[in-house]
Amino acid sequence: MKEQLNKVWMTAVLVTGFYVAEAQQLPQPPKAPDGPEMLARGPQPPRPPKGPLEPGMDKDKAPKEAVKLTTLKGTVVNPIANDRFEYNGLLVKTGSANTQVLFPPHLGEQILAKAKEGAAVTITGFERKNPEGKPEFRLVSLNVNGTTVTDTPPVAPQTTVAHEQKSIRAKIKELNYSPKKEVNGFTLSSGERVNIPPHVAKQLSSQLKTGTEVIVNGFAEPKRPGVVYSQNVTMIAAQTISINGQAYLVK
């Protein structure tokens, strides 16, 4: 009996020693380092906000600046229309020079109803460069005979206007250009004006020639509220254009 107890005791001792050895061989978590290394790995304090961008950095990310306004007085010579036949400016005689004053097209009805040719006007705004590098004056407010028109956002239409789908076969009468002198569409012999992105016009430049017959599928653009047009032209936003039997998707 005593011999059996000794065997049990020896077995328990051996088993306990085995587990102790295994526990000593298990990987232990690393000790936290002391000194500067510990500080480097610890929580970092919040960083201070970045200051204003230095000259020459990305202008799109630069803080917005207040625009200095100036006032000019003169006489209206005539209205000015953009490449979409929307009136968006006035030619104003100021002393011995003429100044182009631009405004958003949706203000056309308000401004042209009051600032007729020969009318004395007082205009507040700011000067900027157009795509050609020439100075132009941007309207903020206009006063005519005590009545003021201010640059305000366009009014959203009360009802959604459905876009009329069009499919037209005609010849190219002439190419149309943006203020940057890029081809942005063409006028058809049937009278419609087709608008396409400049990069598409560049891709198809070898085929978009005067006299070339095309098939245009797209949508007639509705007239915008408040806009006055210099010509009664149907604008077509092209969806596909077929030239010499090859169709192109316009994006």
C-alpha atoms as a PDB file:
ATOM      1  CA  MET A   1       0.000   0.000   0.000  1.00  0.00           C
ATOM      2  CA  LYS A   2       2.799   2.334   0.900  1.00  0.00           C
ATOM      3  CA  GLU A   3       4.500   1.550  -2.374  1.00  0.00           C
ATOM      4  CA  GLN A   4       1.356   2.478  -4.327  1.00  0.00           C
ATOM      5  CA  LEU A   5       1.097   5.826  -2.507  1.00  0.00           C
ATOM      6  CA  ASN A   6       4.717   6.596  -3.375  1.00  0.00           C
ATOM      7  CA  LYS A   7       4.020   5.921  -7.057  1.00  0.00           C
ATOM      8  CA  VAL A   8       0.974   8.251  -7.037  1.00  0.00           C
ATOM      9  CA  TRP A   9       3.004  10.974  -5.304  1.00  0.00           C
ATOM     10  CA  MET A  10       5.853  10.661  -7.833  1.00  0.00           C
ATOM     11  CA  THR A  11       3.374  10.846 -10.747  1.00  0.00           C
ATOM     12  CA  ALA A  12       1.812  14.057  -9.355  1.00  0.00           C
ATOM     13  CA  VAL A  13       5.229  15.620  -8.930  1.00  0.00           C
ATOM     14  CA  LEU A  14       6.225  14.780 -12.515  1.00  0.00           C
ATOM     15  CA  VAL A  15       2.936  16.143 -13.957  1.00  0.00           C
ATOM     16  CA  THR A  16       3.219  19.349 -11.969  1.00  0.00           C
ATOM     17  CA  GLY A  17       6.789  19.848 -13.126  1.00  0.00           C
ATOM     18  CA  PHE A  18       5.755  19.336 -16.738  1.00  0.00           C
ATOM     19  CA  TYR A  19       3.097  22.079 -16.634  1.00  0.00           C
ATOM     20  CA  VAL A  20       5.434  24.442 -14.829  1.00  0.00           C
ATOM     21  CA  ALA A  21       8.038  23.950 -17.560  1.00  0.00           C
ATOM     22  CA  GLU A  22       5.430  24.520 -20.291  1.00  0.00           C
ATOM     23  CA  ALA A  23       4.280  27.708 -18.596  1.00  0.00           C
ATOM     24  CA  GLN A  24       7.862  28.983 -18.486  1.00  0.00           C
ATOM     25  CA  GLN A  25       8.244  28.365 -22.228  1.00  0.00           C
ATOM     26  CA  LEU A  26       5.062  30.289 -23.226  1.00  0.00           C
ATOM     27  CA  PRO A  27       5.775  33.670 -24.858  1.00  0.00           C
ATOM     28  CA  GLN A  28       5.406  36.521 -22.435  1.00  0.00           C
ATOM     29  CA  PRO A  29       3.996  39.932 -23.409  1.00  0.00           C
ATOM     30  CA  PRO A  30       6.749  42.468 -24.014  1.00  0.00           C
ATOM     31  CA  LYS A  31       7.557  44.800 -21.209  1.00  0.00           C
ATOM     32  CA  ALA A  32       6.635  48.387 -21.701  1.00  0.00           C
ATOM     33  CA  PRO A  33       9.780  50.312 -22.572  1.00  0.00           C
ATOM     34  CA  ASP A  34      10.906  53.139 -20.410  1.00  0.00           C
ATOM     35  CA  GLY A  35      12.012  56.637 -21.300  1.00  0.00           C
ATOM     36  CA  PRO A  36      11.626  58.363 -24.712  1.00  0.00           C
ATOM     37  CA  GLU A  37      10.521  55.138 -26.474  1.00  0.00           C
ATOM     38  CA  MET A  38       7.538  54.870 -24.152  1.00  0.00           C
ATOM     39  CA  LEU A  39       6.560  58.469 -24.858  1.00  0.00           C
ATOM     40  CA  ALA A  40       6.805  57.909 -28.595  1.00  0.00           C
ATOM     41  CA  ARG A  41       4.357  54.995 -28.434  1.00  0.00           C
ATOM     42  CA  GLY A  42       1.982  56.584 -25.990  1.00  0.00           C
ATOM     43  CA  PRO A  43      -1.090  58.727 -26.804  1.00  0.00           C
ATOM     44  CA  GLN A  44      -0.257  61.777 -28.863  1.00  0.00           C
ATOM     45  CA  PRO A  45      -1.637  65.223 -28.021  1.00  0.00           C
ATOM     46  CA  PRO A  46      -3.985  66.855 -30.600  1.00  0.00           C
ATOM     47  CA  ARG A  47      -2.189  68.664 -33.376  1.00  0.00           C
ATOM     48  CA  PRO A  48      -2.694  72.409 -33.762  1.00  0.00           C
ATOM     49  CA  PRO A  49      -4.745  73.565 -36.797  1.00  0.00           C
ATOM     50  CA  LYS A  50      -2.808  74.256 -39.955  1.00  0.00           C
ATOM     51  CA  GLY A  51      -2.145  77.860 -40.791  1.00  0.00           C
ATOM     52  CA  PRO A  52      -2.939  79.610 -44.076  1.00  0.00           C
ATOM     53  CA  LEU A  53      -1.398  78.215 -47.239  1.00  0.00           C
ATOM     54  CA  GLU A  54       1.821  79.745 -48.439  1.00  0.00           C
ATOM     55  CA  PRO A  55       1.963  81.550 -51.797  1.00  0.00           C
ATOM     56  CA  GLY A  56       2.174  79.133 -54.718  1.00  0.00           C
ATOM     57  CA  MET A  57       0.235  76.325 -53.021  1.00  0.00           C
ATOM     58  CA  ASP A  58      -3.051  74.839 -54.280  1.00  0.00           C
ATOM     59  CA  LYS A  59      -5.455  77.744 -54.747  1.00  0.00           C
ATOM     60  CA  ASP A  60      -8.535  75.496 -54.565  1.00  0.00           C
ATOM     61  CA  LYS A  61      -7.639  74.671 -50.955  1.00  0.00           C
ATOM     62  CA  ALA A  62      -6.677  78.218 -50.016  1.00  0.00           C
ATOM     63  CA  PRO A  63      -8.944  80.191 -47.678  1.00  0.00           C
ATOM     64  CA  LYS A  64     -11.611  82.273 -49.397  1.00  0.00           C
ATOM     65  CA  GLU A  65     -10.915  85.989 -49.451  1.00  0.00           C
ATOM     66  CA  ALA A  66     -13.255  88.944 -49.434  1.00  0.00           C
ATOM     67  CA  VAL A  67     -13.714  90.453 -52.886  1.00  0.00           C
ATOM     68  CA  LYS A  68     -13.241  94.197 -53.182  1.00  0.00           C
ATOM     69  CA  LEU A  69     -16.242  95.836 -54.844  1.00  0.00           C
ATOM     70  CA  THR A  70     -16.149  98.927 -57.022  1.00  0.00           C
ATOM     71  CA  THR A  71     -18.855 101.049 -58.626  1.00  0.00           C
ATOM     72  CA  LEU A  72     -19.038 102.328 -62.172  1.00  0.00           C
ATOM     73  CA  LYS A  73     -21.496 104.704 -63.821  1.00  0.00           C
ATOM     74  CA  GLY A  74     -22.292 104.868 -67.475  1.00  0.00           C
ATOM     75  CA  THR A  75     -24.789 104.469 -70.291  1.00  0.00           C
ATOM     76  CA  VAL A  76     -26.025 101.175 -71.730  1.00  0.00           C
ATOM     77  CA  VAL A  77     -24.834 100.670 -75.329  1.00  0.00           C
ATOM     78  CA  ASN A  78     -26.388  97.244 -75.991  1.00  0.00           C
ATOM     79  CA  PRO A  79     -26.975  93.835 -74.377  1.00  0.00           C
ATOM     80  CA  ILE A  80     -24.517  90.956 -74.858  1.00  0.00           C
ATOM     81  CA  ALA A  81     -25.354  87.266 -75.423  1.00  0.00           C
ATOM     82  CA  ASN A  82     -23.168  84.230 -74.702  1.00  0.00           C
ATOM     83  CA  ASP A  83     -22.444  81.266 -76.968  1.00  0.00           C
ATOM     84  CA  ARG A  84     -25.796  79.712 -76.007  1.00  0.00           C
ATOM     85  CA  PHE A  85     -27.671  82.830 -77.204  1.00  0.00           C
ATOM     86  CA  GLU A  86     -28.511  83.758 -73.600  1.00  0.00           C
ATOM     87  CA  TYR A  87     -28.233  87.439 -72.725  1.00  0.00           C
ATOM     88  CA  ASN A  88     -25.715  87.575 -69.906  1.00  0.00           C
ATOM     89  CA  GLY A  89     -24.182  91.049 -70.125  1.00  0.00           C
ATOM     90  CA  LEU A  90     -24.314  94.710 -71.021  1.00  0.00           C
ATOM     91  CA  LEU A  91     -21.892  96.870 -72.961  1.00  0.00           C
ATOM     92  CA  VAL A  92     -21.714 100.066 -70.895  1.00  0.00           C
ATOM     93  CA  LYS A  93     -20.094 103.322 -72.015  1.00  0.00           C
ATOM     94  CA  THR A  94     -18.111 104.749 -69.109  1.00  0.00           C
ATOM     95  CA  GLY A  95     -16.451 108.006 -70.131  1.00  0.00           C
ATOM     96  CA  SER A  96     -14.320 107.406 -73.209  1.00  0.00           C
ATOM     97  CA  ALA A  97     -14.319 103.596 -72.926  1.00  0.00           C
ATOM     98  CA  ASN A  98     -16.776 100.717 -73.147  1.00  0.00           C
ATOM     99  CA  THR A  99     -16.936  98.095 -70.399  1.00  0.00           C
ATOM    100  CA  GLN A 100     -18.433  94.612 -70.602  1.00  0.00           C
ATOM    101  CA  VAL A 101     -20.586  93.996 -67.551  1.00  0.00           C
ATOM    102  CA  LEU A 102     -21.590  90.349 -67.055  1.00  0.00           C
ATOM    103  CA  PHE A 103     -24.480  88.951 -65.035  1.00  0.00           C
ATOM    104  CA  PRO A 104     -26.031  85.460 -64.573  1.00  0.00           C
ATOM    105  CA  PRO A 105     -28.391  84.644 -67.481  1.00  0.00           C
ATOM    106  CA  HIS A 106     -31.329  84.038 -65.112  1.00  0.00           C
ATOM    107  CA  LEU A 107     -31.302  87.801 -64.353  1.00  0.00           C
ATOM    108  CA  GLY A 108     -31.825  88.630 -68.032  1.00  0.00           C
ATOM    109  CA  GLU A 109     -35.534  89.423 -67.835  1.00  0.00           C
ATOM    110  CA  GLN A 110     -35.115  91.738 -64.840  1.00  0.00           C
ATOM    111  CA  ILE A 111     -32.089  93.606 -66.145  1.00  0.00           C
ATOM    112  CA  LEU A 112     -33.065  93.995 -69.808  1.00  0.00           C
ATOM    113  CA  ALA A 113     -36.519  95.226 -68.827  1.00  0.00           C
ATOM    114  CA  LYS A 114     -34.927  98.146 -66.965  1.00  0.00           C
ATOM    115  CA  ALA A 115     -31.464  98.728 -68.452  1.00  0.00           C
ATOM    116  CA  LYS A 116     -32.473  99.504 -72.023  1.00  0.00           C
ATOM    117  CA  GLU A 117     -30.150 101.035 -74.611  1.00  0.00           C
ATOM    118  CA  GLY A 118     -29.281 104.612 -73.642  1.00  0.00           C
ATOM    119  CA  ALA A 119     -30.279 104.188 -69.969  1.00  0.00           C
ATOM    120  CA  ALA A 120     -28.022 105.665 -67.284  1.00  0.00           C
ATOM    121  CA  VAL A 121     -26.926 102.935 -64.882  1.00  0.00           C
ATOM    122  CA  THR A 122     -24.911 102.605 -61.690  1.00  0.00           C
ATOM    123  CA  ILE A 123     -23.346  99.165 -61.317  1.00  0.00           C
ATOM    124  CA  THR A 124     -21.567  97.670 -58.300  1.00  0.00           C
ATOM    125  CA  GLY A 125     -19.362  94.661 -58.860  1.00  0.00           C
ATOM    126  CA  PHE A 126     -15.791  93.451 -59.300  1.00  0.00           C
ATOM    127  CA  GLU A 127     -13.313  93.032 -62.120  1.00  0.00           C
ATOM    128  CA  ARG A 128     -11.878  89.711 -63.268  1.00  0.00           C
ATOM    129  CA  LYS A 129     -10.159  88.159 -66.296  1.00  0.00           C
ATOM    130  CA  ASN A 130     -12.087  86.252 -68.954  1.00  0.00           C
ATOM    131  CA  PRO A 131     -10.716  83.034 -70.574  1.00  0.00           C
ATOM    132  CA  GLU A 132      -8.871  85.203 -73.115  1.00  0.00           C
ATOM    133  CA  GLY A 133      -7.160  87.168 -70.360  1.00  0.00           C
ATOM    134  CA  LYS A 134      -9.130  90.359 -71.007  1.00  0.00           C
ATOM    135  CA  PRO A 135     -10.709  92.292 -68.106  1.00  0.00           C
ATOM    136  CA  GLU A 136     -14.458  92.142 -67.581  1.00  0.00           C
ATOM    137  CA  PHE A 137     -16.749  93.467 -64.872  1.00  0.00           C
ATOM    138  CA  ARG A 138     -18.988  91.120 -62.898  1.00  0.00           C
ATOM    139  CA  LEU A 139     -22.290  92.594 -61.701  1.00  0.00           C
ATOM    140  CA  VAL A 140     -23.377  92.337 -58.084  1.00  0.00           C
ATOM    141  CA  SER A 141     -26.128  94.982 -58.221  1.00  0.00           C
ATOM    142  CA  LEU A 142     -27.489  97.424 -60.792  1.00  0.00           C
ATOM    143  CA  ASN A 143     -29.439 100.623 -60.229  1.00  0.00           C
ATOM    144  CA  VAL A 144     -31.591 102.268 -62.900  1.00  0.00           C
ATOM    145  CA  ASN A 145     -33.805 105.249 -62.099  1.00  0.00           C
ATOM    146  CA  GLY A 146     -33.902 104.323 -58.415  1.00  0.00           C
ATOM    147  CA  THR A 147     -34.708 100.641 -59.041  1.00  0.00           C
ATOM    148  CA  THR A 148     -32.111  98.071 -57.964  1.00  0.00           C
ATOM    149  CA  VAL A 149     -31.556  94.570 -59.324  1.00  0.00           C
ATOM    150  CA  THR A 150     -29.324  92.344 -57.183  1.00  0.00           C
ATOM    151  CA  ASP A 151     -27.506  89.153 -58.147  1.00  0.00           C
ATOM    152  CA  THR A 152     -29.660  86.428 -56.574  1.00  0.00           C
ATOM    153  CA  PRO A 153     -29.799  82.642 -57.074  1.00  0.00           C
ATOM    154  CA  PRO A 154     -32.116  81.359 -59.820  1.00  0.00           C
ATOM    155  CA  VAL A 155     -35.651  80.412 -58.855  1.00  0.00           C
ATOM    156  CA  ALA A 156     -36.360  76.704 -59.150  1.00  0.00           C
ATOM    157  CA  PRO A 157     -39.276  75.917 -61.501  1.00  0.00           C
ATOM    158  CA  GLN A 158     -42.509  74.985 -59.724  1.00  0.00           C
ATOM    159  CA  THR A 159     -43.063  71.998 -62.006  1.00  0.00           C
ATOM    160  CA  THR A 160     -40.559  69.648 -63.606  1.00  0.00           C
ATOM    161  CA  VAL A 161     -40.305  70.190 -67.346  1.00  0.00           C
ATOM    162  CA  ALA A 162     -40.103  66.992 -69.383  1.00  0.00           C
ATOM    163  CA  HIS A 163     -37.231  66.836 -71.860  1.00  0.00           C
ATOM    164  CA  GLU A 164     -38.493  66.266 -75.396  1.00  0.00           C
ATOM    165  CA  GLN A 165     -36.619  63.486 -77.181  1.00  0.00           C
ATOM    166  CA  LYS A 166     -35.316  64.325 -80.651  1.00  0.00           C
ATOM    167  CA  SER A 167     -33.867  62.350 -83.570  1.00  0.00           C
ATOM    168  CA  ILE A 168     -32.578  64.516 -86.412  1.00  0.00           C
ATOM    169  CA  ARG A 169     -30.823  63.725 -89.682  1.00  0.00           C
ATOM    170  CA  ALA A 170     -29.170  66.795 -91.191  1.00  0.00           C
ATOM    171  CA  LYS A 171     -25.866  68.252 -92.326  1.00  0.00           C
ATOM    172  CA  ILE A 172     -23.465  70.235 -90.183  1.00  0.00           C
ATOM    173  CA  LYS A 173     -23.870  73.902 -91.064  1.00  0.00           C
ATOM    174  CA  GLU A 174     -21.114  75.245 -88.796  1.00  0.00           C
ATOM    175  CA  LEU A 175     -19.104  74.365 -85.709  1.00  0.00           C
ATOM    176  CA  ASN A 176     -19.751  76.170 -82.435  1.00  0.00           C
ATOM    177  CA  TYR A 177     -17.096  77.359 -79.982  1.00  0.00           C
ATOM    178  CA  SER A 178     -16.910  78.050 -76.244  1.00  0.00           C
ATOM    179  CA  PRO A 179     -15.363  81.241 -74.794  1.00  0.00           C
ATOM    180  CA  LYS A 180     -12.135  79.215 -74.490  1.00  0.00           C
ATOM    181  CA  LYS A 181     -12.200  78.692 -78.288  1.00  0.00           C
ATOM    182  CA  GLU A 182     -12.933  74.976 -77.909  1.00  0.00           C
ATOM    183  CA  VAL A 183     -15.446  73.276 -80.204  1.00  0.00           C
ATOM    184  CA  ASN A 184     -18.455  72.449 -78.018  1.00  0.00           C
ATOM    185  CA  GLY A 185     -21.034  71.522 -80.648  1.00  0.00           C
ATOM    186  CA  PHE A 186     -22.390  72.361 -84.070  1.00  0.00           C
ATOM    187  CA  THR A 187     -25.401  73.913 -85.783  1.00  0.00           C
ATOM    188  CA  LEU A 188     -27.415  71.747 -88.144  1.00  0.00           C
ATOM    189  CA  SER A 189     -28.736  72.774 -91.541  1.00  0.00           C
ATOM    190  CA  SER A 190     -32.220  72.256 -90.054  1.00  0.00           C
ATOM    191  CA  GLY A 191     -31.542  74.993 -87.500  1.00  0.00           C
ATOM    192  CA  GLU A 192     -30.993  73.058 -84.266  1.00  0.00           C
ATOM    193  CA  ARG A 193     -27.870  73.618 -82.223  1.00  0.00           C
ATOM    194  CA  VAL A 194     -26.264  70.426 -80.906  1.00  0.00           C
ATOM    195  CA  ASN A 195     -24.206  70.651 -77.708  1.00  0.00           C
ATOM    196  CA  ILE A 196     -21.447  68.121 -76.964  1.00  0.00           C
ATOM    197  CA  PRO A 197     -18.582  68.138 -74.439  1.00  0.00           C
ATOM    198  CA  PRO A 198     -15.305  69.615 -75.763  1.00  0.00           C
ATOM    199  CA  HIS A 199     -13.419  66.344 -75.190  1.00  0.00           C
ATOM    200  CA  VAL A 200     -15.910  64.501 -77.445  1.00  0.00           C
ATOM    201  CA  ALA A 201     -15.610  67.209 -80.101  1.00  0.00           C
ATOM    202  CA  LYS A 202     -11.836  66.846 -79.967  1.00  0.00           C
ATOM    203  CA  GLN A 203     -12.059  63.073 -80.322  1.00  0.00           C
ATOM    204  CA  LEU A 204     -14.319  63.419 -83.409  1.00  0.00           C
ATOM    205  CA  SER A 205     -12.581  66.476 -84.837  1.00  0.00           C
ATOM    206  CA  SER A 206     -11.539  64.683 -88.051  1.00  0.00           C
ATOM    207  CA  GLN A 207     -15.181  63.822 -88.814  1.00  0.00           C
ATOM    208  CA  LEU A 208     -17.085  66.874 -87.604  1.00  0.00           C
ATOM    209  CA  LYS A 209     -16.790  68.951 -90.757  1.00  0.00           C
ATOM    210  CA  THR A 210     -19.092  71.450 -92.407  1.00  0.00           C
ATOM    211  CA  GLY A 211     -21.354  69.639 -94.884  1.00  0.00           C
ATOM    212  CA  THR A 212     -21.053  66.217 -93.189  1.00  0.00           C
ATOM    213  CA  GLU A 213     -24.388  64.476 -92.693  1.00  0.00           C
ATOM    214  CA  VAL A 214     -25.059  63.263 -89.159  1.00  0.00           C
ATOM    215  CA  ILE A 215     -27.856  61.616 -87.225  1.00  0.00           C
ATOM    216  CA  VAL A 216     -28.295  63.089 -83.759  1.00  0.00           C
ATOM    217  CA  ASN A 217     -30.351  61.513 -81.005  1.00  0.00           C
ATOM    218  CA  GLY A 218     -30.825  63.531 -77.853  1.00  0.00           C
ATOM    219  CA  PHE A 219     -33.093  65.791 -75.855  1.00  0.00           C
ATOM    220  CA  ALA A 220     -34.298  69.331 -76.454  1.00  0.00           C
ATOM    221  CA  GLU A 221     -33.188  71.552 -73.600  1.00  0.00           C
ATOM    222  CA  PRO A 222     -36.091  73.486 -72.013  1.00  0.00           C
ATOM    223  CA  LYS A 223     -35.984  77.258 -71.737  1.00  0.00           C
ATOM    224  CA  ARG A 224     -34.690  78.376 -68.356  1.00  0.00           C
ATOM    225  CA  PRO A 225     -36.744  80.716 -66.130  1.00  0.00           C
ATOM    226  CA  GLY A 226     -35.677  84.360 -66.253  1.00  0.00           C
ATOM    227  CA  VAL A 227     -33.400  83.899 -69.275  1.00  0.00           C
ATOM    228  CA  VAL A 228     -33.788  86.054 -72.409  1.00  0.00           C
ATOM    229  CA  TYR A 229     -32.522  84.583 -75.672  1.00  0.00           C
ATOM    230  CA  SER A 230     -31.045  86.534 -78.566  1.00  0.00           C
ATOM    231  CA  GLN A 231     -32.215  83.881 -81.046  1.00  0.00           C
ATOM    232  CA  ASN A 232     -35.051  81.358 -81.014  1.00  0.00           C
ATOM    233  CA  VAL A 233     -32.913  78.238 -81.372  1.00  0.00           C
ATOM    234  CA  THR A 234     -33.649  74.696 -80.211  1.00  0.00           C
ATOM    235  CA  MET A 235     -30.754  73.381 -78.135  1.00  0.00           C
ATOM    236  CA  ILE A 236     -30.123  69.638 -78.357  1.00  0.00           C
ATOM    237  CA  ALA A 237     -28.151  67.790 -75.691  1.00  0.00           C
ATOM    238  CA  ALA A 238     -26.726  64.950 -77.789  1.00  0.00           C
ATOM    239  CA  GLN A 239     -26.947  61.395 -76.520  1.00  0.00           C
ATOM    240  CA  THR A 240     -25.667  59.608 -79.647  1.00  0.00           C
ATOM    241  CA  ILE A 241     -24.171  60.855 -82.914  1.00  0.00           C
ATOM    242  CA  SER A 242     -23.912  58.756 -86.081  1.00  0.00           C
ATOM    243  CA  ILE A 243     -21.335  59.759 -88.702  1.00  0.00           C
ATOM    244  CA  ASN A 244     -20.827  57.755 -91.909  1.00  0.00           C
ATOM    245  CA  GLY A 245     -22.752  54.829 -90.457  1.00  0.00           C
ATOM    246  CA  GLN A 246     -20.792  54.706 -87.178  1.00  0.00           C
ATOM    247  CA  ALA A 247     -22.687  55.595 -83.990  1.00  0.00           C
ATOM    248  CA  TYR A 248     -20.987  57.207 -80.980  1.00  0.00           C
ATOM    249  CA  LEU A 249     -22.275  57.468 -77.437  1.00  0.00           C
ATOM    250  CA  VAL A 250     -21.770  60.993 -76.144  1.00  0.00           C
ATOM    251  CA  LYS A 251     -20.729  61.294 -72.492  1.00  0.00           C
END
